[in-house]
Amino acid sequence: MPSPTLQDVHVNAALTDISVAYIQDSANYIADKVFPMVPVVHKSDVYYVFSKDDFLRDDVQQRADAAESAGGGFSLTTKSYSALVYGYHKDVGDQVRANQDPAIDIDVVTTKFIMQKQLIRRDNIFVSKYMKTTVWGTDVTGTGGGVPGSSTPAFWNDDAGGDPFTDIAQAQSTILQNTGHEPNIMVLGFPVYQALRKHPLVIDRVKYTMQADAKNITPQLLAAAFDVEQIVVSKSVYNTAAEGLTGSYSFTIGKNALLCHRAPQPGLMIPSAGYIFPWQGLTGLNSMGVVVYQDRLPGRGRNTIRTDSDMAFDMQVVSSDLGYYFSGIVS
């Protein structure tokens, strides 16, 4: 055997300029991009709700000379929010800290790891609050062979039978008729977005203005085509398997869509389908309701550090009649 060998002249070591970690782009997460944030000082409080029925009723009557005018009033109730706190941490011992290679900045890696955990949790809470049936004024469910504009529309990835323009127009009319406000934002799961951007009806709308292929059909273009101010596409994924089991990965929102009216910003006497109440009194001055901090752990080594996090907020459906939910709208 020739001497020296390859093993004699080189000892494998970790590269300092690359490493691999599945950290999702923060743009994939949408929980803070849909409804207005209302930062709050206290864990719980109430807000006022004026009666829609009283404000939209036609009560004005013709008034005779010297007669009293018709009169009336409005009812006023309150709703309460209550921020819940979610926490997650990781401990790093002093031996690990002292032995790390240059390619691993353990504090940076740990912070990114924890933030991704919290963002995944936050998007899943968004789904549990908003992206499901029975919480909005109208629910429709995609169906094979369904009827566009009905409570069982055809799947939007059914290129021949599906008609997303009719379905969305029906949703817009329903919200406007029931509230006096037009929907202005739509949330799409990534499979729904993929179905819409290749649908022949969508392509037909844009084929005279640009090359009609899917890469040119952006969320902004879809928003213009469907006459809404903004379309938000959820691209976040998460592992549904428990630790130690083979990974099983799913889209957070999946095959569903939500059309609704949201307030451009929170304010008095302004309707909105939903609000999110981040507890700034606990987490500090940030709109996300998340704080990451470090503590030294006494008795566990000179440099054993716990990187901890708190996330505190309440997500609420404020006006259910300002939302229209498409469940399983692609097959």
C-alpha atoms as a PDB file:
ATOM      1  CA  MET A   1       0.000   0.000   0.000  1.00  0.00           C
ATOM      2  CA  PRO A   2       1.365   3.438  -0.915  1.00  0.00           C
ATOM      3  CA  SER A   3       2.450   5.548   2.021  1.00  0.00           C
ATOM      4  CA  PRO A   4       1.330   8.046   3.212  1.00  0.00           C
ATOM      5  CA  THR A   5      -2.391   7.278   2.681  1.00  0.00           C
ATOM      6  CA  LEU A   6      -5.219   9.762   2.298  1.00  0.00           C
ATOM      7  CA  GLN A   7      -6.146   9.146   5.921  1.00  0.00           C
ATOM      8  CA  ASP A   8      -2.591   9.899   7.042  1.00  0.00           C
ATOM      9  CA  VAL A   9      -2.509  13.356   5.494  1.00  0.00           C
ATOM     10  CA  HIS A  10      -5.996  14.533   6.487  1.00  0.00           C
ATOM     11  CA  VAL A  11      -8.185  14.243   9.563  1.00  0.00           C
ATOM     12  CA  ASN A  12     -11.863  14.927   8.917  1.00  0.00           C
ATOM     13  CA  ALA A  13     -13.154  18.079  10.612  1.00  0.00           C
ATOM     14  CA  ALA A  14     -16.363  20.059  10.439  1.00  0.00           C
ATOM     15  CA  LEU A  15     -16.528  22.624   7.654  1.00  0.00           C
ATOM     16  CA  THR A  16     -16.728  26.186   8.925  1.00  0.00           C
ATOM     17  CA  ASP A  17     -18.640  27.723   6.023  1.00  0.00           C
ATOM     18  CA  ILE A  18     -21.700  25.464   5.684  1.00  0.00           C
ATOM     19  CA  SER A  19     -24.126  23.538   7.835  1.00  0.00           C
ATOM     20  CA  VAL A  20     -27.643  22.248   7.241  1.00  0.00           C
ATOM     21  CA  ALA A  21     -30.734  23.083   9.302  1.00  0.00           C
ATOM     22  CA  TYR A  22     -34.364  23.091   8.189  1.00  0.00           C
ATOM     23  CA  ILE A  23     -35.264  26.617   9.268  1.00  0.00           C
ATOM     24  CA  GLN A  24     -38.279  27.911   7.367  1.00  0.00           C
ATOM     25  CA  ASP A  25     -38.373  31.397   5.933  1.00  0.00           C
ATOM     26  CA  SER A  26     -40.383  33.627   8.275  1.00  0.00           C
ATOM     27  CA  ALA A  27     -42.497  34.614   5.246  1.00  0.00           C
ATOM     28  CA  ASN A  28     -43.960  31.088   5.260  1.00  0.00           C
ATOM     29  CA  TYR A  29     -45.863  31.870   8.461  1.00  0.00           C
ATOM     30  CA  ILE A  30     -49.020  33.944   8.210  1.00  0.00           C
ATOM     31  CA  ALA A  31     -50.530  34.255  11.717  1.00  0.00           C
ATOM     32  CA  ASP A  32     -49.424  37.883  12.047  1.00  0.00           C
ATOM     33  CA  LYS A  33     -50.285  38.872   8.463  1.00  0.00           C
ATOM     34  CA  VAL A  34     -54.078  38.500   8.349  1.00  0.00           C
ATOM     35  CA  PHE A  35     -55.833  40.280  11.214  1.00  0.00           C
ATOM     36  CA  PRO A  36     -54.891  43.528  12.968  1.00  0.00           C
ATOM     37  CA  MET A  37     -52.759  43.289  16.082  1.00  0.00           C
ATOM     38  CA  VAL A  38     -54.165  45.015  19.172  1.00  0.00           C
ATOM     39  CA  PRO A  39     -51.309  45.187  21.707  1.00  0.00           C
ATOM     40  CA  VAL A  40     -52.647  44.957  25.257  1.00  0.00           C
ATOM     41  CA  VAL A  41     -51.161  45.742  28.653  1.00  0.00           C
ATOM     42  CA  HIS A  42     -53.195  43.296  30.706  1.00  0.00           C
ATOM     43  CA  LYS A  43     -53.733  39.570  30.332  1.00  0.00           C
ATOM     44  CA  SER A  44     -57.491  40.056  30.003  1.00  0.00           C
ATOM     45  CA  ASP A  45     -59.945  42.900  29.445  1.00  0.00           C
ATOM     46  CA  VAL A  46     -63.145  43.639  27.511  1.00  0.00           C
ATOM     47  CA  TYR A  47     -64.052  45.610  24.403  1.00  0.00           C
ATOM     48  CA  TYR A  48     -67.381  47.045  23.275  1.00  0.00           C
ATOM     49  CA  VAL A  49     -69.553  45.600  20.525  1.00  0.00           C
ATOM     50  CA  PHE A  50     -72.387  47.656  19.006  1.00  0.00           C
ATOM     51  CA  SER A  51     -75.421  45.849  17.589  1.00  0.00           C
ATOM     52  CA  LYS A  52     -75.193  45.351  13.825  1.00  0.00           C
ATOM     53  CA  ASP A  53     -78.971  44.878  13.608  1.00  0.00           C
ATOM     54  CA  ASP A  54     -79.643  48.259  15.221  1.00  0.00           C
ATOM     55  CA  PHE A  55     -77.161  50.141  13.060  1.00  0.00           C
ATOM     56  CA  LEU A  56     -78.347  48.663   9.735  1.00  0.00           C
ATOM     57  CA  ARG A  57     -82.125  48.834  10.309  1.00  0.00           C
ATOM     58  CA  ASP A  58     -84.182  51.406   8.309  1.00  0.00           C
ATOM     59  CA  ASP A  59     -86.148  53.162  11.092  1.00  0.00           C
ATOM     60  CA  VAL A  60     -86.473  56.668   9.668  1.00  0.00           C
ATOM     61  CA  GLN A  61     -90.082  57.761   9.097  1.00  0.00           C
ATOM     62  CA  GLN A  62     -91.765  60.695   7.399  1.00  0.00           C
ATOM     63  CA  ARG A  63     -92.246  63.571   9.844  1.00  0.00           C
ATOM     64  CA  ALA A  64     -95.412  65.675   9.909  1.00  0.00           C
ATOM     65  CA  ASP A  65     -95.312  69.393  10.617  1.00  0.00           C
ATOM     66  CA  ALA A  66     -94.651  70.103  14.316  1.00  0.00           C
ATOM     67  CA  ALA A  67     -94.618  66.361  15.093  1.00  0.00           C
ATOM     68  CA  GLU A  68     -91.916  64.428  16.860  1.00  0.00           C
ATOM     69  CA  SER A  69     -89.435  62.572  14.731  1.00  0.00           C
ATOM     70  CA  ALA A  70     -89.176  58.807  14.877  1.00  0.00           C
ATOM     71  CA  GLY A  71     -86.580  57.696  17.414  1.00  0.00           C
ATOM     72  CA  GLY A  72     -84.741  54.639  18.579  1.00  0.00           C
ATOM     73  CA  GLY A  73     -81.552  53.391  20.076  1.00  0.00           C
ATOM     74  CA  PHE A  74     -78.897  50.722  19.867  1.00  0.00           C
ATOM     75  CA  SER A  75     -77.752  47.928  22.132  1.00  0.00           C
ATOM     76  CA  LEU A  76     -74.218  47.648  23.402  1.00  0.00           C
ATOM     77  CA  THR A  77     -72.483  44.565  24.744  1.00  0.00           C
ATOM     78  CA  THR A  78     -68.929  43.588  25.625  1.00  0.00           C
ATOM     79  CA  LYS A  79     -66.643  40.760  24.637  1.00  0.00           C
ATOM     80  CA  SER A  80     -63.579  39.718  26.568  1.00  0.00           C
ATOM     81  CA  TYR A  81     -60.153  38.546  25.506  1.00  0.00           C
ATOM     82  CA  SER A  82     -57.759  36.502  27.609  1.00  0.00           C
ATOM     83  CA  ALA A  83     -54.173  36.065  26.490  1.00  0.00           C
ATOM     84  CA  LEU A  84     -52.673  32.612  26.965  1.00  0.00           C
ATOM     85  CA  VAL A  85     -48.950  32.110  27.485  1.00  0.00           C
ATOM     86  CA  TYR A  86     -46.955  29.510  25.540  1.00  0.00           C
ATOM     87  CA  GLY A  87     -43.378  28.667  26.456  1.00  0.00           C
ATOM     88  CA  TYR A  88     -40.480  26.604  25.122  1.00  0.00           C
ATOM     89  CA  HIS A  89     -36.824  26.336  26.133  1.00  0.00           C
ATOM     90  CA  LYS A  90     -33.552  24.580  25.430  1.00  0.00           C
ATOM     91  CA  ASP A  91     -30.652  24.118  27.863  1.00  0.00           C
ATOM     92  CA  VAL A  92     -27.009  24.144  26.765  1.00  0.00           C
ATOM     93  CA  GLY A  93     -24.428  22.794  29.204  1.00  0.00           C
ATOM     94  CA  ASP A  94     -20.997  24.318  29.737  1.00  0.00           C
ATOM     95  CA  GLN A  95     -19.236  21.252  28.320  1.00  0.00           C
ATOM     96  CA  VAL A  96     -21.177  21.484  25.059  1.00  0.00           C
ATOM     97  CA  ARG A  97     -20.549  25.226  24.916  1.00  0.00           C
ATOM     98  CA  ALA A  98     -16.806  24.760  25.478  1.00  0.00           C
ATOM     99  CA  ASN A  99     -16.496  21.950  22.920  1.00  0.00           C
ATOM    100  CA  GLN A 100     -18.437  23.454  19.997  1.00  0.00           C
ATOM    101  CA  ASP A 101     -16.823  23.730  16.568  1.00  0.00           C
ATOM    102  CA  PRO A 102     -16.480  27.112  14.841  1.00  0.00           C
ATOM    103  CA  ALA A 103     -19.351  26.268  12.485  1.00  0.00           C
ATOM    104  CA  ILE A 104     -21.762  26.079  15.421  1.00  0.00           C
ATOM    105  CA  ASP A 105     -22.675  29.210  17.310  1.00  0.00           C
ATOM    106  CA  ILE A 106     -24.780  27.364  19.841  1.00  0.00           C
ATOM    107  CA  ASP A 107     -26.588  30.451  21.137  1.00  0.00           C
ATOM    108  CA  VAL A 108     -27.615  31.573  17.643  1.00  0.00           C
ATOM    109  CA  VAL A 109     -28.694  28.055  16.660  1.00  0.00           C
ATOM    110  CA  THR A 110     -30.685  27.643  19.872  1.00  0.00           C
ATOM    111  CA  THR A 111     -32.481  30.961  19.409  1.00  0.00           C
ATOM    112  CA  LYS A 112     -33.466  30.104  15.832  1.00  0.00           C
ATOM    113  CA  PHE A 113     -34.596  26.641  16.941  1.00  0.00           C
ATOM    114  CA  ILE A 114     -36.836  28.079  19.655  1.00  0.00           C
ATOM    115  CA  MET A 115     -38.281  30.813  17.436  1.00  0.00           C
ATOM    116  CA  GLN A 116     -39.213  28.265  14.777  1.00  0.00           C
ATOM    117  CA  LYS A 117     -40.967  26.170  17.412  1.00  0.00           C
ATOM    118  CA  GLN A 118     -42.970  29.191  18.551  1.00  0.00           C
ATOM    119  CA  LEU A 119     -43.861  30.287  14.997  1.00  0.00           C
ATOM    120  CA  ILE A 120     -45.052  26.774  14.133  1.00  0.00           C
ATOM    121  CA  ARG A 121     -47.185  26.762  17.264  1.00  0.00           C
ATOM    122  CA  ARG A 122     -48.584  30.211  16.517  1.00  0.00           C
ATOM    123  CA  ASP A 123     -49.644  29.252  12.986  1.00  0.00           C
ATOM    124  CA  ASN A 124     -51.271  26.094  14.305  1.00  0.00           C
ATOM    125  CA  ILE A 125     -53.206  28.167  16.841  1.00  0.00           C
ATOM    126  CA  PHE A 126     -54.277  30.444  13.968  1.00  0.00           C
ATOM    127  CA  VAL A 127     -55.649  27.376  12.179  1.00  0.00           C
ATOM    128  CA  SER A 128     -57.473  26.165  15.298  1.00  0.00           C
ATOM    129  CA  LYS A 129     -59.116  29.567  15.747  1.00  0.00           C
ATOM    130  CA  TYR A 130     -59.886  30.659  12.197  1.00  0.00           C
ATOM    131  CA  MET A 131     -59.336  27.942   9.583  1.00  0.00           C
ATOM    132  CA  LYS A 132     -62.152  25.563  10.408  1.00  0.00           C
ATOM    133  CA  THR A 133     -65.891  25.132   9.988  1.00  0.00           C
ATOM    134  CA  THR A 134     -68.574  26.423  12.399  1.00  0.00           C
ATOM    135  CA  VAL A 135     -66.768  29.650  13.332  1.00  0.00           C
ATOM    136  CA  TRP A 136     -67.653  31.860  10.335  1.00  0.00           C
ATOM    137  CA  GLY A 137     -70.950  33.136   9.008  1.00  0.00           C
ATOM    138  CA  THR A 138     -70.837  30.821   5.998  1.00  0.00           C
ATOM    139  CA  ASP A 139     -69.066  27.499   5.398  1.00  0.00           C
ATOM    140  CA  VAL A 140     -68.918  25.690   2.065  1.00  0.00           C
ATOM    141  CA  THR A 141     -67.200  22.399   1.324  1.00  0.00           C
ATOM    142  CA  GLY A 142     -65.495  21.394  -1.907  1.00  0.00           C
ATOM    143  CA  THR A 143     -67.043  18.362  -3.592  1.00  0.00           C
ATOM    144  CA  GLY A 144     -66.367  16.241  -6.636  1.00  0.00           C
ATOM    145  CA  GLY A 145     -68.985  17.182  -9.204  1.00  0.00           C
ATOM    146  CA  GLY A 146     -70.189  20.081  -7.065  1.00  0.00           C
ATOM    147  CA  VAL A 147     -72.072  23.154  -8.238  1.00  0.00           C
ATOM    148  CA  PRO A 148     -70.185  26.481  -8.396  1.00  0.00           C
ATOM    149  CA  GLY A 149     -71.703  29.166  -6.184  1.00  0.00           C
ATOM    150  CA  SER A 150     -73.453  26.618  -3.950  1.00  0.00           C
ATOM    151  CA  SER A 151     -72.719  25.233  -0.477  1.00  0.00           C
ATOM    152  CA  THR A 152     -70.956  22.324  -2.213  1.00  0.00           C
ATOM    153  CA  PRO A 153     -68.811  23.933  -4.914  1.00  0.00           C
ATOM    154  CA  ALA A 154     -66.699  21.872  -7.277  1.00  0.00           C
ATOM    155  CA  PHE A 155     -63.048  21.451  -6.344  1.00  0.00           C
ATOM    156  CA  TRP A 156     -60.872  24.313  -7.566  1.00  0.00           C
ATOM    157  CA  ASN A 157     -58.358  21.829  -8.968  1.00  0.00           C
ATOM    158  CA  ASP A 158     -61.132  20.401 -11.153  1.00  0.00           C
ATOM    159  CA  ASP A 159     -60.128  22.329 -14.260  1.00  0.00           C
ATOM    160  CA  ALA A 160     -63.288  21.385 -16.125  1.00  0.00           C
ATOM    161  CA  GLY A 161     -65.949  21.739 -13.415  1.00  0.00           C
ATOM    162  CA  GLY A 162     -64.449  24.075 -10.820  1.00  0.00           C
ATOM    163  CA  ASP A 163     -65.214  27.796 -11.022  1.00  0.00           C
ATOM    164  CA  PRO A 164     -63.361  29.768  -8.334  1.00  0.00           C
ATOM    165  CA  PHE A 165     -64.560  33.088  -9.786  1.00  0.00           C
ATOM    166  CA  THR A 166     -68.212  32.171  -9.243  1.00  0.00           C
ATOM    167  CA  ASP A 167     -67.527  30.773  -5.772  1.00  0.00           C
ATOM    168  CA  ILE A 168     -65.555  33.809  -4.621  1.00  0.00           C
ATOM    169  CA  ALA A 169     -68.080  36.226  -6.140  1.00  0.00           C
ATOM    170  CA  GLN A 170     -70.832  34.424  -4.218  1.00  0.00           C
ATOM    171  CA  ALA A 171     -68.801  34.777  -1.026  1.00  0.00           C
ATOM    172  CA  GLN A 172     -68.224  38.482  -1.653  1.00  0.00           C
ATOM    173  CA  SER A 173     -71.939  39.066  -2.226  1.00  0.00           C
ATOM    174  CA  THR A 174     -72.863  37.113   0.901  1.00  0.00           C
ATOM    175  CA  ILE A 175     -70.535  39.093   3.174  1.00  0.00           C
ATOM    176  CA  LEU A 176     -71.540  42.453   1.692  1.00  0.00           C
ATOM    177  CA  GLN A 177     -75.263  41.671   1.903  1.00  0.00           C
ATOM    178  CA  ASN A 178     -75.030  40.557   5.539  1.00  0.00           C
ATOM    179  CA  THR A 179     -72.732  43.302   6.829  1.00  0.00           C
ATOM    180  CA  GLY A 180     -72.475  46.254   4.442  1.00  0.00           C
ATOM    181  CA  HIS A 181     -68.721  45.616   4.130  1.00  0.00           C
ATOM    182  CA  GLU A 182     -66.836  44.008   1.282  1.00  0.00           C
ATOM    183  CA  PRO A 183     -64.244  41.322   1.999  1.00  0.00           C
ATOM    184  CA  ASN A 184     -60.717  42.571   1.433  1.00  0.00           C
ATOM    185  CA  ILE A 185     -58.356  39.706   2.268  1.00  0.00           C
ATOM    186  CA  MET A 186     -58.157  36.024   1.402  1.00  0.00           C
ATOM    187  CA  VAL A 187     -56.055  33.334   3.063  1.00  0.00           C
ATOM    188  CA  LEU A 188     -55.020  30.348   0.950  1.00  0.00           C
ATOM    189  CA  GLY A 189     -53.359  27.112   1.897  1.00  0.00           C
ATOM    190  CA  PHE A 190     -50.483  26.352  -0.454  1.00  0.00           C
ATOM    191  CA  PRO A 191     -52.336  23.506  -2.266  1.00  0.00           C
ATOM    192  CA  VAL A 192     -55.202  25.934  -2.962  1.00  0.00           C
ATOM    193  CA  TYR A 193     -52.787  28.541  -4.270  1.00  0.00           C
ATOM    194  CA  GLN A 194     -51.236  25.962  -6.597  1.00  0.00           C
ATOM    195  CA  ALA A 195     -54.671  24.959  -7.898  1.00  0.00           C
ATOM    196  CA  LEU A 196     -55.725  28.547  -8.581  1.00  0.00           C
ATOM    197  CA  ARG A 197     -52.577  29.629 -10.391  1.00  0.00           C
ATOM    198  CA  LYS A 198     -52.934  26.841 -12.955  1.00  0.00           C
ATOM    199  CA  HIS A 199     -56.721  26.946 -13.291  1.00  0.00           C
ATOM    200  CA  PRO A 200     -57.735  27.589 -16.936  1.00  0.00           C
ATOM    201  CA  LEU A 201     -60.216  30.299 -15.914  1.00  0.00           C
ATOM    202  CA  VAL A 202     -57.467  32.199 -14.120  1.00  0.00           C
ATOM    203  CA  ILE A 203     -55.024  31.759 -16.981  1.00  0.00           C
ATOM    204  CA  ASP A 204     -57.675  32.960 -19.414  1.00  0.00           C
ATOM    205  CA  ARG A 205     -57.991  36.231 -17.462  1.00  0.00           C
ATOM    206  CA  VAL A 206     -54.281  37.048 -17.795  1.00  0.00           C
ATOM    207  CA  LYS A 207     -53.274  35.479 -21.098  1.00  0.00           C
ATOM    208  CA  TYR A 208     -53.529  38.740 -23.021  1.00  0.00           C
ATOM    209  CA  THR A 209     -51.374  40.687 -20.590  1.00  0.00           C
ATOM    210  CA  MET A 210     -48.549  38.257 -19.902  1.00  0.00           C
ATOM    211  CA  GLN A 211     -47.246  34.801 -20.655  1.00  0.00           C
ATOM    212  CA  ALA A 212     -49.891  32.549 -19.146  1.00  0.00           C
ATOM    213  CA  ASP A 213     -47.894  30.163 -17.027  1.00  0.00           C
ATOM    214  CA  ALA A 214     -48.056  29.508 -13.303  1.00  0.00           C
ATOM    215  CA  LYS A 215     -44.796  31.272 -12.406  1.00  0.00           C
ATOM    216  CA  ASN A 216     -46.311  34.606 -13.484  1.00  0.00           C
ATOM    217  CA  ILE A 217     -49.518  34.159 -11.499  1.00  0.00           C
ATOM    218  CA  THR A 218     -48.547  35.602  -8.139  1.00  0.00           C
ATOM    219  CA  PRO A 219     -50.670  36.242  -5.032  1.00  0.00           C
ATOM    220  CA  GLN A 220     -50.823  39.893  -6.082  1.00  0.00           C
ATOM    221  CA  LEU A 221     -52.140  38.977  -9.519  1.00  0.00           C
ATOM    222  CA  LEU A 222     -54.717  36.609  -8.041  1.00  0.00           C
ATOM    223  CA  ALA A 223     -55.856  39.349  -5.648  1.00  0.00           C
ATOM    224  CA  ALA A 224     -56.427  41.684  -8.588  1.00  0.00           C
ATOM    225  CA  ALA A 225     -58.248  38.985 -10.556  1.00  0.00           C
ATOM    226  CA  PHE A 226     -60.596  38.161  -7.665  1.00  0.00           C
ATOM    227  CA  ASP A 227     -61.041  41.814  -6.606  1.00  0.00           C
ATOM    228  CA  VAL A 228     -59.626  41.610  -3.097  1.00  0.00           C
ATOM    229  CA  GLU A 229     -56.935  43.849  -1.639  1.00  0.00           C
ATOM    230  CA  GLN A 230     -54.613  41.064  -0.541  1.00  0.00           C
ATOM    231  CA  ILE A 231     -54.130  37.319  -0.816  1.00  0.00           C
ATOM    232  CA  VAL A 232     -51.978  35.691   1.852  1.00  0.00           C
ATOM    233  CA  VAL A 233     -50.536  32.270   1.057  1.00  0.00           C
ATOM    234  CA  SER A 234     -49.563  29.962   3.894  1.00  0.00           C
ATOM    235  CA  LYS A 235     -46.432  27.963   3.053  1.00  0.00           C
ATOM    236  CA  SER A 236     -45.507  26.769   6.527  1.00  0.00           C
ATOM    237  CA  VAL A 237     -45.125  23.057   7.209  1.00  0.00           C
ATOM    238  CA  TYR A 238     -44.644  21.077  10.390  1.00  0.00           C
ATOM    239  CA  ASN A 239     -43.875  17.587  11.592  1.00  0.00           C
ATOM    240  CA  THR A 240     -46.972  15.917  13.080  1.00  0.00           C
ATOM    241  CA  ALA A 241     -45.054  12.913  14.477  1.00  0.00           C
ATOM    242  CA  ALA A 242     -43.928  12.696  18.088  1.00  0.00           C
ATOM    243  CA  GLU A 243     -40.235  12.878  18.945  1.00  0.00           C
ATOM    244  CA  GLY A 244     -38.453   9.628  18.145  1.00  0.00           C
ATOM    245  CA  LEU A 245     -40.895   8.592  15.431  1.00  0.00           C
ATOM    246  CA  THR A 246     -40.419   8.902  11.680  1.00  0.00           C
ATOM    247  CA  GLY A 247     -41.233  12.412  10.543  1.00  0.00           C
ATOM    248  CA  SER A 248     -44.654  13.052   9.003  1.00  0.00           C
ATOM    249  CA  TYR A 249     -44.961  16.451   7.349  1.00  0.00           C
ATOM    250  CA  SER A 250     -48.055  18.499   6.583  1.00  0.00           C
ATOM    251  CA  PHE A 251     -48.978  21.955   5.366  1.00  0.00           C
ATOM    252  CA  THR A 252     -50.275  23.986   8.281  1.00  0.00           C
ATOM    253  CA  ILE A 253     -53.383  25.243   6.461  1.00  0.00           C
ATOM    254  CA  GLY A 254     -53.615  22.712   3.674  1.00  0.00           C
ATOM    255  CA  LYS A 255     -56.594  22.559   1.305  1.00  0.00           C
ATOM    256  CA  ASN A 256     -58.683  25.364   2.768  1.00  0.00           C
ATOM    257  CA  ALA A 257     -59.303  29.062   2.153  1.00  0.00           C
ATOM    258  CA  LEU A 258     -60.834  31.981   4.049  1.00  0.00           C
ATOM    259  CA  LEU A 259     -62.300  35.165   2.581  1.00  0.00           C
ATOM    260  CA  CYS A 260     -63.063  37.951   5.032  1.00  0.00           C
ATOM    261  CA  HIS A 261     -63.150  41.645   5.799  1.00  0.00           C
ATOM    262  CA  ARG A 262     -60.449  42.874   8.142  1.00  0.00           C
ATOM    263  CA  ALA A 263     -60.041  46.369   9.504  1.00  0.00           C
ATOM    264  CA  PRO A 264     -57.078  48.198   7.946  1.00  0.00           C
ATOM    265  CA  GLN A 265     -56.032  48.967  11.501  1.00  0.00           C
ATOM    266  CA  PRO A 266     -57.696  48.597  14.905  1.00  0.00           C
ATOM    267  CA  GLY A 267     -59.857  51.509  16.012  1.00  0.00           C
ATOM    268  CA  LEU A 268     -63.124  52.590  17.580  1.00  0.00           C
ATOM    269  CA  MET A 269     -66.358  51.494  15.918  1.00  0.00           C
ATOM    270  CA  ILE A 270     -64.510  49.649  13.149  1.00  0.00           C
ATOM    271  CA  PRO A 271     -65.679  46.120  12.231  1.00  0.00           C
ATOM    272  CA  SER A 272     -63.193  43.340  11.601  1.00  0.00           C
ATOM    273  CA  ALA A 273     -63.579  39.606  11.152  1.00  0.00           C
ATOM    274  CA  GLY A 274     -60.819  38.996  13.660  1.00  0.00           C
ATOM    275  CA  TYR A 275     -58.360  40.638  16.007  1.00  0.00           C
ATOM    276  CA  ILE A 276     -55.208  39.329  17.654  1.00  0.00           C
ATOM    277  CA  PHE A 277     -54.343  40.587  21.131  1.00  0.00           C
ATOM    278  CA  PRO A 278     -50.599  40.206  21.872  1.00  0.00           C
ATOM    279  CA  TRP A 279     -49.881  40.726  25.576  1.00  0.00           C
ATOM    280  CA  GLN A 280     -47.195  43.379  25.472  1.00  0.00           C
ATOM    281  CA  GLY A 281     -47.335  43.733  29.229  1.00  0.00           C
ATOM    282  CA  LEU A 282     -45.586  40.352  29.410  1.00  0.00           C
ATOM    283  CA  THR A 283     -43.570  40.041  26.227  1.00  0.00           C
ATOM    284  CA  GLY A 284     -42.508  43.657  25.650  1.00  0.00           C
ATOM    285  CA  LEU A 285     -42.859  46.045  22.754  1.00  0.00           C
ATOM    286  CA  ASN A 286     -43.161  43.774  19.748  1.00  0.00           C
ATOM    287  CA  SER A 287     -46.134  43.040  17.542  1.00  0.00           C
ATOM    288  CA  MET A 288     -45.596  39.274  17.526  1.00  0.00           C
ATOM    289  CA  GLY A 289     -46.177  38.625  21.219  1.00  0.00           C
ATOM    290  CA  VAL A 290     -42.939  36.597  21.434  1.00  0.00           C
ATOM    291  CA  VAL A 291     -39.894  37.168  23.636  1.00  0.00           C
ATOM    292  CA  VAL A 292     -36.691  35.077  23.871  1.00  0.00           C
ATOM    293  CA  TYR A 293     -34.324  35.411  26.840  1.00  0.00           C
ATOM    294  CA  GLN A 294     -31.484  33.584  28.588  1.00  0.00           C
ATOM    295  CA  ASP A 295     -30.972  32.506  32.206  1.00  0.00           C
ATOM    296  CA  ARG A 296     -27.958  30.917  33.877  1.00  0.00           C
ATOM    297  CA  LEU A 297     -28.876  27.676  35.674  1.00  0.00           C
ATOM    298  CA  PRO A 298     -27.177  27.553  39.106  1.00  0.00           C
ATOM    299  CA  GLY A 299     -25.700  24.232  40.169  1.00  0.00           C
ATOM    300  CA  ARG A 300     -25.482  22.856  36.648  1.00  0.00           C
ATOM    301  CA  GLY A 301     -22.031  24.020  35.583  1.00  0.00           C
ATOM    302  CA  ARG A 302     -20.350  27.386  35.252  1.00  0.00           C
ATOM    303  CA  ASN A 303     -21.820  28.192  31.848  1.00  0.00           C
ATOM    304  CA  THR A 304     -25.010  26.159  31.614  1.00  0.00           C
ATOM    305  CA  ILE A 305     -27.542  28.491  29.995  1.00  0.00           C
ATOM    306  CA  ARG A 306     -31.257  28.078  29.429  1.00  0.00           C
ATOM    307  CA  THR A 307     -32.595  29.906  26.392  1.00  0.00           C
ATOM    308  CA  ASP A 308     -36.299  30.347  27.126  1.00  0.00           C
ATOM    309  CA  SER A 309     -39.231  31.956  25.366  1.00  0.00           C
ATOM    310  CA  ASP A 310     -42.716  33.215  26.051  1.00  0.00           C
ATOM    311  CA  MET A 311     -45.479  33.849  23.546  1.00  0.00           C
ATOM    312  CA  ALA A 312     -48.655  35.463  24.827  1.00  0.00           C
ATOM    313  CA  PHE A 313     -51.776  36.440  22.894  1.00  0.00           C
ATOM    314  CA  ASP A 314     -55.426  35.756  22.255  1.00  0.00           C
ATOM    315  CA  MET A 315     -56.775  35.220  18.737  1.00  0.00           C
ATOM    316  CA  GLN A 316     -60.464  35.975  18.388  1.00  0.00           C
ATOM    317  CA  VAL A 317     -63.184  35.774  15.788  1.00  0.00           C
ATOM    318  CA  VAL A 318     -64.712  39.204  16.398  1.00  0.00           C
ATOM    319  CA  SER A 319     -67.393  39.337  13.692  1.00  0.00           C
ATOM    320  CA  SER A 320     -68.180  35.917  12.274  1.00  0.00           C
ATOM    321  CA  ASP A 321     -70.468  37.294   9.547  1.00  0.00           C
ATOM    322  CA  LEU A 322     -67.450  39.039   7.996  1.00  0.00           C
ATOM    323  CA  GLY A 323     -65.925  35.667   7.092  1.00  0.00           C
ATOM    324  CA  TYR A 324     -66.658  32.988   4.475  1.00  0.00           C
ATOM    325  CA  TYR A 325     -64.811  29.677   4.778  1.00  0.00           C
ATOM    326  CA  PHE A 326     -63.975  27.244   1.971  1.00  0.00           C
ATOM    327  CA  SER A 327     -63.304  23.833   3.503  1.00  0.00           C
ATOM    328  CA  GLY A 328     -61.437  21.191   1.497  1.00  0.00           C
ATOM    329  CA  ILE A 329     -61.785  23.286  -1.633  1.00  0.00           C
ATOM    330  CA  VAL A 330     -59.211  21.185  -3.513  1.00  0.00           C
ATOM    331  CA  SER A 331     -59.259  17.408  -3.672  1.00  0.00           C
END
